[in-house]
Protein backbone atom coordinates (compact mmCIF):
# COMPACT_ATOMS: atom_id res chain seq x y z
CA MET A 1 -38.36 79.48 15.65
CA ARG A 2 -38.77 76.91 18.81
CA PHE A 3 -39.09 73.84 16.07
CA LEU A 4 -36.15 74.91 14.09
CA SER A 5 -34.18 74.56 16.82
CA ALA A 6 -35.44 71.25 17.71
CA ILE A 7 -34.55 69.99 14.61
CA LEU A 8 -31.35 71.41 14.39
CA LEU A 9 -30.38 70.29 17.50
CA LEU A 10 -31.53 67.07 16.74
CA VAL A 11 -29.53 67.14 13.76
CA PHE A 12 -26.35 67.28 15.96
CA LEU A 13 -27.09 65.18 18.49
CA VAL A 14 -27.32 62.47 15.81
CA SER A 15 -24.16 63.55 14.03
CA SER A 16 -22.33 63.87 16.84
CA CYS A 17 -22.93 60.24 18.05
CA LYS A 18 -21.64 58.63 14.60
CA LYS A 19 -18.29 56.94 14.80
CA ASP A 20 -15.29 59.07 13.14
CA GLU A 21 -14.15 56.64 9.84
CA LYS A 22 -9.95 56.69 10.23
CA GLU A 23 -8.46 54.57 7.80
CA ASN A 24 -6.76 51.98 9.27
CA PRO A 25 -2.91 52.06 8.94
CA TYR A 26 -2.30 48.63 9.05
CA ASP A 27 -4.77 47.82 6.18
CA LEU A 28 -2.61 50.17 3.62
CA VAL A 29 0.35 47.59 4.95
CA ASN A 30 -1.87 45.02 3.83
CA ASN A 31 -2.66 46.32 0.75
CA ASN A 32 0.70 47.45 -0.06
CA ASN A 33 1.89 43.93 0.65
CA GLN A 34 -0.26 42.48 -1.71
CA ASN A 35 0.22 44.58 -4.64
CA ASN A 36 3.82 44.60 -4.43
CA GLU A 37 4.06 40.76 -3.59
CA GLN A 38 6.61 39.41 -6.25
CA PRO A 39 6.85 35.60 -6.70
CA ASP A 40 10.03 33.90 -6.29
CA PRO A 41 12.12 34.40 -9.55
CA GLU A 42 12.92 30.74 -11.88
CA PRO A 43 15.95 29.61 -11.04
CA ASP A 44 18.63 29.91 -13.96
CA PRO A 45 17.55 26.09 -15.87
CA ASN A 46 21.07 25.54 -16.15
CA SER A 47 22.07 25.17 -12.90
CA ILE A 48 21.51 22.51 -10.34
CA GLN A 49 18.49 24.51 -9.19
CA GLY A 50 17.16 24.77 -12.37
CA ILE A 51 17.90 21.19 -13.14
CA HIS A 52 16.40 19.64 -9.40
CA ARG A 53 13.44 21.71 -9.96
CA ASN A 54 12.84 21.23 -13.59
CA ILE A 55 13.50 17.45 -14.11
CA PHE A 56 15.15 15.32 -10.87
CA ALA A 57 11.67 16.57 -8.44
CA PRO A 58 9.25 16.14 -11.18
CA THR A 59 10.47 13.55 -13.39
CA CYS A 60 13.04 11.49 -11.27
CA ALA A 61 12.51 11.26 -7.98
CA ASN A 62 9.27 9.45 -8.39
CA SER A 63 8.20 6.57 -6.27
CA GLY A 64 10.33 3.09 -6.66
CA CYS A 65 12.88 5.15 -8.95
CA HIS A 66 15.41 7.63 -7.54
CA ASP A 67 13.18 8.33 -4.00
CA GLY A 68 15.84 7.56 -2.09
CA THR A 69 15.73 4.01 -2.52
CA PHE A 70 18.46 3.91 -4.33
CA GLU A 71 21.26 6.53 -5.66
CA PRO A 72 21.20 8.98 -7.26
CA ASP A 73 18.93 10.26 -4.63
CA PHE A 74 17.13 13.31 -6.83
CA ARG A 75 14.83 13.91 -3.76
CA THR A 76 16.37 17.73 -2.85
CA ILE A 77 18.87 19.67 -4.38
CA GLU A 78 21.68 18.40 -1.65
CA SER A 79 20.94 15.02 -2.39
CA SER A 80 21.01 14.94 -6.09
CA TYR A 81 24.24 16.74 -5.91
CA ASN A 82 25.88 14.94 -3.57
CA THR A 83 25.31 11.81 -5.34
CA LEU A 84 25.88 12.46 -8.91
CA VAL A 85 29.44 14.61 -8.77
CA LEU A 86 32.70 12.49 -8.87
CA GLN A 87 30.81 9.57 -7.98
CA PRO A 88 31.55 6.82 -9.21
CA VAL A 89 29.01 4.51 -11.67
CA ILE A 90 27.05 1.72 -11.14
CA LYS A 91 26.52 0.57 -14.45
CA ASN A 92 28.68 1.15 -17.57
CA ASN A 93 28.92 0.63 -21.34
CA PRO A 94 30.42 -2.63 -22.26
CA SER A 95 34.16 -0.76 -22.98
CA GLY A 96 33.98 0.62 -19.46
CA THR A 97 34.03 4.64 -20.92
CA TYR A 98 32.53 6.07 -17.62
CA ASN A 99 34.24 6.62 -14.27
CA PHE A 100 31.88 9.46 -12.94
CA ARG A 101 28.08 10.37 -12.80
CA VAL A 102 29.00 13.58 -13.35
CA ALA A 103 32.48 14.73 -14.72
CA PRO A 104 32.53 17.86 -13.82
CA GLY A 105 33.17 20.11 -17.17
CA ASN A 106 32.95 17.22 -19.49
CA ALA A 107 29.61 16.13 -20.32
CA ASP A 108 30.31 13.38 -22.59
CA GLU A 109 32.28 11.47 -19.64
CA SER A 110 29.42 11.62 -17.70
CA VAL A 111 27.55 8.41 -17.16
CA LEU A 112 24.28 10.84 -16.78
CA ILE A 113 24.24 12.18 -19.97
CA ALA A 114 24.69 8.69 -21.52
CA ARG A 115 21.77 7.34 -19.79
CA LEU A 116 19.43 10.04 -20.83
CA VAL A 117 19.92 9.37 -24.53
CA SER A 118 20.86 6.08 -25.09
CA ASP A 119 20.68 2.31 -23.78
CA ILE A 120 24.52 1.91 -22.29
CA ASP A 121 24.52 -1.87 -21.58
CA GLY A 122 21.68 -3.06 -24.34
CA GLN A 123 19.46 -3.86 -21.11
CA SER A 124 19.09 -1.19 -18.77
CA GLY A 125 17.02 0.95 -20.94
CA ILE A 126 17.50 5.29 -21.34
CA MET A 127 16.44 7.17 -18.72
CA PRO A 128 13.83 8.09 -17.38
CA LEU A 129 11.86 4.35 -17.75
CA ALA A 130 8.77 6.43 -16.71
CA VAL A 131 7.47 9.36 -16.40
CA ASP A 132 4.79 10.58 -14.14
CA PRO A 133 2.10 12.73 -15.26
CA GLY A 134 3.09 15.50 -13.83
CA SER A 135 6.20 15.89 -16.06
CA ASP A 136 6.87 17.69 -19.21
CA TRP A 137 9.64 15.52 -19.94
CA GLU A 138 8.39 14.28 -23.48
CA GLN A 139 7.99 17.78 -24.27
CA LYS A 140 11.01 19.27 -23.54
CA ARG A 141 13.32 16.39 -23.59
CA THR A 142 15.58 17.99 -25.95
CA GLN A 143 15.67 21.73 -23.78
CA TYR A 144 16.16 19.55 -20.15
CA ILE A 145 19.14 17.75 -21.84
CA GLU A 146 20.68 20.72 -22.79
CA ASN A 147 20.41 22.43 -19.58
CA ILE A 148 22.00 19.65 -17.95
CA ARG A 149 24.89 19.63 -20.59
CA ASN A 150 24.95 23.14 -20.01
CA TRP A 151 25.33 22.71 -16.14
CA ILE A 152 27.71 19.75 -16.11
CA ASN A 153 30.50 21.58 -18.84
CA ASN A 154 30.48 24.46 -17.04
CA GLY A 155 31.87 22.87 -13.91
CA ALA A 156 28.92 21.02 -11.83
CA LYS A 157 28.82 23.93 -9.71
CA ASP A 158 27.06 23.46 -6.16
CA VAL A 159 23.80 26.03 -5.16
CA PHE A 160 26.57 28.73 -4.12
CA GLY A 161 28.09 28.65 -7.64
CA ASN A 162 31.01 26.66 -6.67
CA PRO A 163 32.91 24.15 -8.35
CA PRO A 164 33.12 21.03 -6.54
CA GLN A 165 36.29 19.70 -4.82
CA GLN A 166 38.08 17.23 -6.14
CA SER A 167 39.23 14.43 -3.26
CA SER A 168 40.22 11.07 -3.45
CA LEU A 169 37.44 8.65 -3.22
CA PRO A 170 37.31 5.36 -1.50
CA PRO A 171 38.27 1.84 -3.56
CA GLN A 172 35.21 0.63 -5.48
CA LEU A 173 34.01 -3.19 -6.06
CA GLN A 174 33.63 -3.86 -9.91
CA GLY A 175 32.47 -7.18 -9.62
CA MET A 176 32.47 -10.64 -8.36
CA PHE A 177 32.68 -14.22 -9.85
CA ILE A 178 33.29 -17.48 -7.69
CA ALA A 179 34.78 -20.30 -9.72
CA LEU A 180 36.30 -24.20 -8.71
CA PRO A 181 39.57 -24.50 -7.12
CA GLY A 182 41.86 -24.50 -10.18
CA SER A 183 39.42 -23.13 -13.00
CA THR A 184 38.45 -19.52 -13.66
CA GLN A 185 35.63 -20.56 -15.40
CA ALA A 186 32.21 -18.49 -13.23
CA LEU A 187 29.90 -20.32 -11.80
CA PRO A 188 26.10 -19.92 -12.74
CA ARG A 189 23.68 -17.39 -10.78
CA ASN A 190 20.49 -18.50 -9.52
CA VAL A 191 18.37 -15.88 -11.83
CA GLN A 192 15.45 -15.32 -9.07
CA SER A 193 18.30 -14.52 -6.02
CA GLY A 194 20.86 -13.48 -7.99
CA SER A 195 23.37 -15.35 -5.96
CA VAL A 196 26.15 -17.74 -7.18
CA VAL A 197 25.12 -21.47 -7.21
CA ILE A 198 27.37 -24.04 -5.77
CA PRO A 199 27.39 -27.53 -6.75
CA PRO A 200 26.29 -29.54 -3.80
CA GLY A 201 29.34 -31.61 -2.46
CA THR A 202 31.63 -28.62 -3.02
CA ALA A 203 34.61 -28.51 -0.28
CA THR A 204 36.02 -25.45 -1.05
CA VAL A 205 35.78 -22.33 -4.15
CA ASP A 206 37.51 -19.53 -5.23
CA ALA A 207 35.79 -16.14 -5.17
CA TYR A 208 37.67 -13.66 -7.14
CA PHE A 209 36.78 -9.54 -6.31
CA ALA A 210 37.39 -6.57 -9.11
CA CYS A 211 38.41 -3.32 -7.37
CA SER A 212 39.30 -0.15 -8.69
CA ASP A 213 40.69 3.01 -7.26
CA ASP A 214 40.99 6.19 -8.43
CA GLN A 215 44.46 7.06 -7.40
CA PHE A 216 46.40 3.79 -6.11
CA SER A 217 46.79 0.51 -7.79
CA ALA A 218 45.52 -3.10 -6.74
CA GLU A 219 48.93 -3.32 -5.10
CA GLU A 220 48.89 0.02 -3.68
CA LEU A 221 46.03 -0.65 -1.94
CA GLY A 222 45.92 -2.21 1.71
CA TYR A 223 44.18 -4.28 4.48
CA LEU A 224 42.86 -6.99 2.03
CA GLN A 225 40.38 -8.73 3.70
CA TYR A 226 36.84 -10.06 3.34
CA ALA A 227 34.21 -12.09 5.16
CA VAL A 228 31.17 -14.80 5.18
CA SER A 229 27.70 -14.65 6.20
CA SER A 230 24.98 -16.33 6.90
CA SER A 231 23.45 -12.93 7.75
CA ILE A 232 22.43 -10.31 5.03
CA ASN A 233 23.89 -7.29 7.29
CA ASN A 234 25.01 -8.65 10.57
CA PHE A 235 29.04 -9.44 9.37
CA ASP A 236 31.75 -10.55 12.58
CA PRO A 237 34.67 -8.24 12.35
CA GLY A 238 36.34 -11.63 14.14
CA SER A 239 35.42 -13.40 10.83
CA GLN A 240 37.50 -11.51 8.71
CA MET A 241 40.09 -13.68 6.55
CA ASN A 242 42.73 -12.26 4.38
CA LEU A 243 42.41 -11.73 0.54
CA SER A 244 45.16 -12.56 -1.95
CA LEU A 245 46.75 -10.52 -4.61
CA VAL A 246 46.86 -12.49 -7.83
CA PRO A 247 47.89 -11.87 -11.63
CA GLU A 248 45.20 -9.84 -13.62
CA ILE A 249 41.98 -12.04 -15.03
CA MET A 250 39.86 -9.90 -17.31
CA HIS A 251 36.41 -11.41 -16.75
CA MET A 252 32.71 -9.89 -16.64
CA GLY A 253 32.02 -7.39 -14.17
CA TYR A 254 29.00 -6.35 -12.13
CA SER A 255 28.13 -3.49 -14.78
CA GLY A 256 28.65 -6.39 -17.94
CA ASN A 257 31.88 -4.98 -19.35
CA GLN A 258 35.53 -6.80 -19.32
CA VAL A 259 37.31 -5.44 -15.54
CA SER A 260 40.45 -6.41 -13.98
CA PHE A 261 40.11 -9.33 -11.12
CA ARG A 262 42.79 -9.01 -8.79
CA PHE A 263 41.96 -10.00 -5.78
CA LYS A 264 40.84 -13.57 -4.20
CA ALA A 265 39.31 -15.46 -1.54
CA SER A 266 39.59 -19.09 -1.13
CA ILE A 267 36.28 -20.26 0.89
CA SER A 268 36.07 -23.25 2.94
CA LEU A 269 32.25 -24.76 2.53
CA SER A 270 32.65 -26.91 5.46
CA GLY A 271 29.31 -26.75 7.81
CA LEU A 272 27.66 -24.53 5.34
CA ALA A 273 23.69 -25.36 4.36
CA GLY A 274 22.82 -26.18 1.64
CA LEU A 275 19.99 -24.08 -0.38
CA GLN A 276 20.84 -21.12 1.83
CA SER A 277 22.44 -18.02 0.52
CA TYR A 278 25.81 -17.01 2.13
CA PHE A 279 26.92 -12.80 1.71
CA LEU A 280 30.21 -11.69 1.05
CA ARG A 281 31.76 -8.28 1.84
CA VAL A 282 35.35 -7.28 0.60
CA TYR A 283 37.07 -4.75 3.09
CA LEU A 284 39.90 -2.70 1.65
CA SER A 285 41.61 0.71 2.04
CA ASP A 286 44.01 3.10 0.08
CA GLU A 287 46.49 5.78 0.96
CA SER A 288 44.03 8.71 2.28
CA SER A 289 40.90 6.57 3.26
CA ALA A 290 40.05 4.49 5.86
CA VAL A 291 39.20 0.69 5.53
CA THR A 292 36.33 0.49 2.77
CA GLU A 293 33.95 -2.06 3.37
CA ILE A 294 32.17 -3.28 0.33
CA PRO A 295 29.31 -3.50 -0.19
CA SER A 296 28.38 -1.57 2.73
CA ALA A 297 25.29 -2.16 5.09
CA SER A 298 23.59 1.06 3.08
CA SER A 299 23.77 -0.73 -0.10
CA ALA A 300 21.17 -1.48 -2.12
CA GLU A 301 19.95 -5.27 -1.35
CA TYR A 302 20.26 -6.79 -4.83
CA ILE A 303 24.16 -5.30 -4.84
CA LYS A 304 24.37 -7.23 -1.81
CA ARG A 305 22.81 -10.47 -3.43
CA TYR A 306 25.41 -9.94 -6.35
CA TYR A 307 28.04 -10.55 -3.72
CA SER A 308 26.53 -13.81 -2.59
CA PHE A 309 26.80 -17.83 -2.92
CA GLN A 310 24.56 -20.83 -2.30
CA ILE A 311 25.44 -24.20 -2.40
CA GLY A 312 22.85 -26.30 -4.89
CA GLU A 313 19.52 -24.50 -5.93
């Protein structure tokens, strides 16, 4: 009997030393979170969110292309929207059909669609020019173009579902050529630099500028100044001179199509060194915007070089 009591006492002591195994309530919470965790919903492929996620980010924002190097800028949804909708085109077809990269409500008048399905000027190629390995553009090209069409035709709404606000665009420079006085025959350009080449010994030249505005004619534009600088970015405000309004001259513009040239600058070459590039800026305003500098300091370098000249090769 004494031996049995000792056994029972030992069992009791061992069991009383064992810790109670209680369920940790936080374990339950974590388990529930893991079980109930839902992935982010797929955006509507016909929305700007879906188009950016499926197309612009993996296919267009690759290095050296639309990665902020030049517009449109496809790095983010916001930069994509802001550099597409109601933004003026840089490259157009020979007929000058397109006014905007994205014309809300009309995919057929949006140069974005045209660039995806055709080589609009015969020398720019069909976008995208190159496709990164992570892109499924080649497999889903037709579907993706239809998604972009649907977004545009549905009003090109922003991330909040709001239609874009139509506003007056600042004046745009469409082209520049330089001719000898008394002539409208364009002097050639240096293929490497893009600068207009002026024959050595020339005293003056006439630079002609084509400008456009979405609401105002050339006669209604104001300020009308230009400047010349040996620096691609530094222009002395005190060096601005008057532009002249001249009768229309139809000539090839920056995009390769015929545009209307209405402004002229007579430039003295006295004191300018040969074989050096000189850069031009034009300053215009309309009734709804401040003075616009074209090209601006933030413009791409190749555009700035298009508006330049050099004396001799």
